[in-house]
Amino acid sequence: MAKTAMLEREEKRKNLAKKHNSEYKKLKARIMDKSLTIEERFEAQLEMNKLPRNSSKIRQHNRCKVSGRPRGFYRKFQISRIALRELAAFGLIPGIKKSSW
């Protein structure tokens, strides 16, 4: 199981990203708008830099719902490779079975 602090950090990042999402989109649109002057676009960039770092969606990391493991993550199942193997072996994931030959 992952450290509780790591799980809380990820939760904090998710909440911050949700909170600042509209601001982020408005500033990003201003930065990418070619009809604005360079100074206006630069001001928008400076405003974006003032937002909290963890409010960026890019800083979020996928974690396993079962163990909290950050690596070996399968997006389709939202769990790590290790948890996927265990759950599939017990037949808890529909449509997946352990192959053997």
C-alpha atoms as a PDB file:
ATOM      1  CA  MET A   1       0.000   0.000   0.000  1.00  0.00           C
ATOM      2  CA  ALA A   2       1.244   3.491  -0.851  1.00  0.00           C
ATOM      3  CA  LYS A   3       2.037   5.954   1.890  1.00  0.00           C
ATOM      4  CA  THR A   4      -0.980   7.891   3.061  1.00  0.00           C
ATOM      5  CA  ALA A   5       0.872  11.166   2.436  1.00  0.00           C
ATOM      6  CA  MET A   6       1.319  10.285  -1.239  1.00  0.00           C
ATOM      7  CA  LEU A   7      -2.370   9.458  -1.646  1.00  0.00           C
ATOM      8  CA  GLU A   8      -3.335  12.707   0.080  1.00  0.00           C
ATOM      9  CA  ARG A   9      -0.938  14.660  -2.142  1.00  0.00           C
ATOM     10  CA  GLU A  10      -2.571  13.221  -5.250  1.00  0.00           C
ATOM     11  CA  GLU A  11      -6.020  14.057  -3.866  1.00  0.00           C
ATOM     12  CA  LYS A  12      -4.860  17.620  -3.159  1.00  0.00           C
ATOM     13  CA  ARG A  13      -3.573  17.955  -6.727  1.00  0.00           C
ATOM     14  CA  LYS A  14      -6.874  16.664  -8.112  1.00  0.00           C
ATOM     15  CA  ASN A  15      -8.888  19.143  -6.044  1.00  0.00           C
ATOM     16  CA  LEU A  16      -6.623  22.076  -6.959  1.00  0.00           C
ATOM     17  CA  ALA A  17      -6.808  21.205 -10.657  1.00  0.00           C
ATOM     18  CA  LYS A  18     -10.596  21.068 -10.465  1.00  0.00           C
ATOM     19  CA  LYS A  19     -10.720  24.386  -8.593  1.00  0.00           C
ATOM     20  CA  HIS A  20      -8.455  26.308 -11.006  1.00  0.00           C
ATOM     21  CA  ASN A  21      -9.581  24.609 -14.232  1.00  0.00           C
ATOM     22  CA  SER A  22     -11.661  27.529 -15.542  1.00  0.00           C
ATOM     23  CA  GLU A  23      -8.894  30.077 -14.819  1.00  0.00           C
ATOM     24  CA  TYR A  24      -6.357  27.812 -16.505  1.00  0.00           C
ATOM     25  CA  LYS A  25      -8.478  27.493 -19.658  1.00  0.00           C
ATOM     26  CA  LYS A  26      -9.112  31.259 -19.919  1.00  0.00           C
ATOM     27  CA  LEU A  27      -5.432  32.096 -19.513  1.00  0.00           C
ATOM     28  CA  LYS A  28      -4.376  29.373 -21.948  1.00  0.00           C
ATOM     29  CA  ALA A  29      -6.826  30.722 -24.546  1.00  0.00           C
ATOM     30  CA  ARG A  30      -5.380  34.230 -24.112  1.00  0.00           C
ATOM     31  CA  ILE A  31      -1.843  32.924 -24.452  1.00  0.00           C
ATOM     32  CA  MET A  32      -2.649  31.033 -27.657  1.00  0.00           C
ATOM     33  CA  ASP A  33      -4.693  33.890 -29.206  1.00  0.00           C
ATOM     34  CA  LYS A  34      -2.545  35.239 -32.066  1.00  0.00           C
ATOM     35  CA  SER A  35      -4.722  38.352 -32.468  1.00  0.00           C
ATOM     36  CA  LEU A  36      -3.501  39.727 -29.110  1.00  0.00           C
ATOM     37  CA  THR A  37      -0.249  41.636 -28.822  1.00  0.00           C
ATOM     38  CA  ILE A  38       2.850  39.934 -27.497  1.00  0.00           C
ATOM     39  CA  GLU A  39       2.681  42.026 -24.322  1.00  0.00           C
ATOM     40  CA  GLU A  40      -0.898  40.931 -23.581  1.00  0.00           C
ATOM     41  CA  ARG A  41      -0.021  37.309 -24.171  1.00  0.00           C
ATOM     42  CA  PHE A  42       3.050  37.658 -21.954  1.00  0.00           C
ATOM     43  CA  GLU A  43       0.902  39.173 -19.185  1.00  0.00           C
ATOM     44  CA  ALA A  44      -1.419  36.168 -19.424  1.00  0.00           C
ATOM     45  CA  GLN A  45       1.613  33.891 -19.122  1.00  0.00           C
ATOM     46  CA  LEU A  46       2.746  35.732 -15.993  1.00  0.00           C
ATOM     47  CA  GLU A  47      -0.757  35.389 -14.500  1.00  0.00           C
ATOM     48  CA  MET A  48      -0.700  31.672 -15.255  1.00  0.00           C
ATOM     49  CA  ASN A  49       2.657  31.384 -13.502  1.00  0.00           C
ATOM     50  CA  LYS A  50       1.080  32.864 -10.358  1.00  0.00           C
ATOM     51  CA  LEU A  51      -1.356  29.949 -10.089  1.00  0.00           C
ATOM     52  CA  PRO A  52      -0.309  27.146  -7.713  1.00  0.00           C
ATOM     53  CA  ARG A  53       1.986  24.611  -9.327  1.00  0.00           C
ATOM     54  CA  ASN A  54      -0.115  21.680  -8.223  1.00  0.00           C
ATOM     55  CA  SER A  55      -3.192  23.179  -9.893  1.00  0.00           C
ATOM     56  CA  SER A  56      -1.878  21.977 -13.246  1.00  0.00           C
ATOM     57  CA  LYS A  57      -3.552  18.800 -14.459  1.00  0.00           C
ATOM     58  CA  ILE A  58      -0.210  17.563 -15.803  1.00  0.00           C
ATOM     59  CA  ARG A  59       1.154  17.134 -12.274  1.00  0.00           C
ATOM     60  CA  GLN A  60      -1.409  14.471 -11.404  1.00  0.00           C
ATOM     61  CA  HIS A  61      -0.187  10.888 -11.425  1.00  0.00           C
ATOM     62  CA  ASN A  62      -2.306   7.794 -12.058  1.00  0.00           C
ATOM     63  CA  ARG A  63      -2.475   5.541  -9.025  1.00  0.00           C
ATOM     64  CA  CYS A  64      -3.927   2.089  -8.468  1.00  0.00           C
ATOM     65  CA  LYS A  65      -7.355   2.179  -6.784  1.00  0.00           C
ATOM     66  CA  VAL A  66      -6.516  -0.973  -4.821  1.00  0.00           C
ATOM     67  CA  SER A  67      -2.947  -0.444  -3.641  1.00  0.00           C
ATOM     68  CA  GLY A  68      -2.085   3.148  -4.538  1.00  0.00           C
ATOM     69  CA  ARG A  69       0.875   1.985  -6.620  1.00  0.00           C
ATOM     70  CA  PRO A  70       1.992   4.675  -9.125  1.00  0.00           C
ATOM     71  CA  ARG A  71       3.763   2.411 -11.616  1.00  0.00           C
ATOM     72  CA  GLY A  72       2.523  -0.369 -13.865  1.00  0.00           C
ATOM     73  CA  PHE A  73      -0.894   1.279 -14.119  1.00  0.00           C
ATOM     74  CA  TYR A  74      -3.591   0.024 -16.523  1.00  0.00           C
ATOM     75  CA  ARG A  75      -5.908   2.905 -17.447  1.00  0.00           C
ATOM     76  CA  LYS A  76      -8.706   0.633 -18.611  1.00  0.00           C
ATOM     77  CA  PHE A  77      -9.040  -0.951 -15.163  1.00  0.00           C
ATOM     78  CA  GLN A  78      -7.651   1.879 -13.004  1.00  0.00           C
ATOM     79  CA  ILE A  79      -5.420  -0.608 -11.175  1.00  0.00           C
ATOM     80  CA  SER A  80      -1.779  -1.687 -11.240  1.00  0.00           C
ATOM     81  CA  ARG A  81      -0.441  -4.752 -13.017  1.00  0.00           C
ATOM     82  CA  ILE A  82       0.025  -6.582  -9.730  1.00  0.00           C
ATOM     83  CA  ALA A  83      -3.527  -5.942  -8.531  1.00  0.00           C
ATOM     84  CA  LEU A  84      -4.840  -6.864 -11.997  1.00  0.00           C
ATOM     85  CA  ARG A  85      -3.068 -10.226 -11.868  1.00  0.00           C
ATOM     86  CA  GLU A  86      -4.364 -10.996  -8.368  1.00  0.00           C
ATOM     87  CA  LEU A  87      -7.957 -10.000  -9.111  1.00  0.00           C
ATOM     88  CA  ALA A  88      -7.932 -11.846 -12.451  1.00  0.00           C
ATOM     89  CA  ALA A  89      -6.597 -14.993 -10.768  1.00  0.00           C
ATOM     90  CA  PHE A  90      -9.560 -14.963  -8.369  1.00  0.00           C
ATOM     91  CA  GLY A  91     -11.963 -14.289 -11.248  1.00  0.00           C
ATOM     92  CA  LEU A  92     -13.068 -10.901  -9.915  1.00  0.00           C
ATOM     93  CA  ILE A  93     -12.621  -9.064 -13.225  1.00  0.00           C
ATOM     94  CA  PRO A  94     -15.291 -10.020 -15.793  1.00  0.00           C
ATOM     95  CA  GLY A  95     -13.945 -11.246 -19.115  1.00  0.00           C
ATOM     96  CA  ILE A  96     -10.397 -11.865 -17.940  1.00  0.00           C
ATOM     97  CA  LYS A  97      -8.924 -15.186 -16.963  1.00  0.00           C
ATOM     98  CA  LYS A  98      -5.406 -16.362 -16.368  1.00  0.00           C
ATOM     99  CA  SER A  99      -4.073 -18.168 -19.385  1.00  0.00           C
ATOM    100  CA  SER A 100      -2.074 -21.345 -19.162  1.00  0.00           C
ATOM    101  CA  TRP A 101      -0.839 -23.779 -21.802  1.00  0.00           C
END
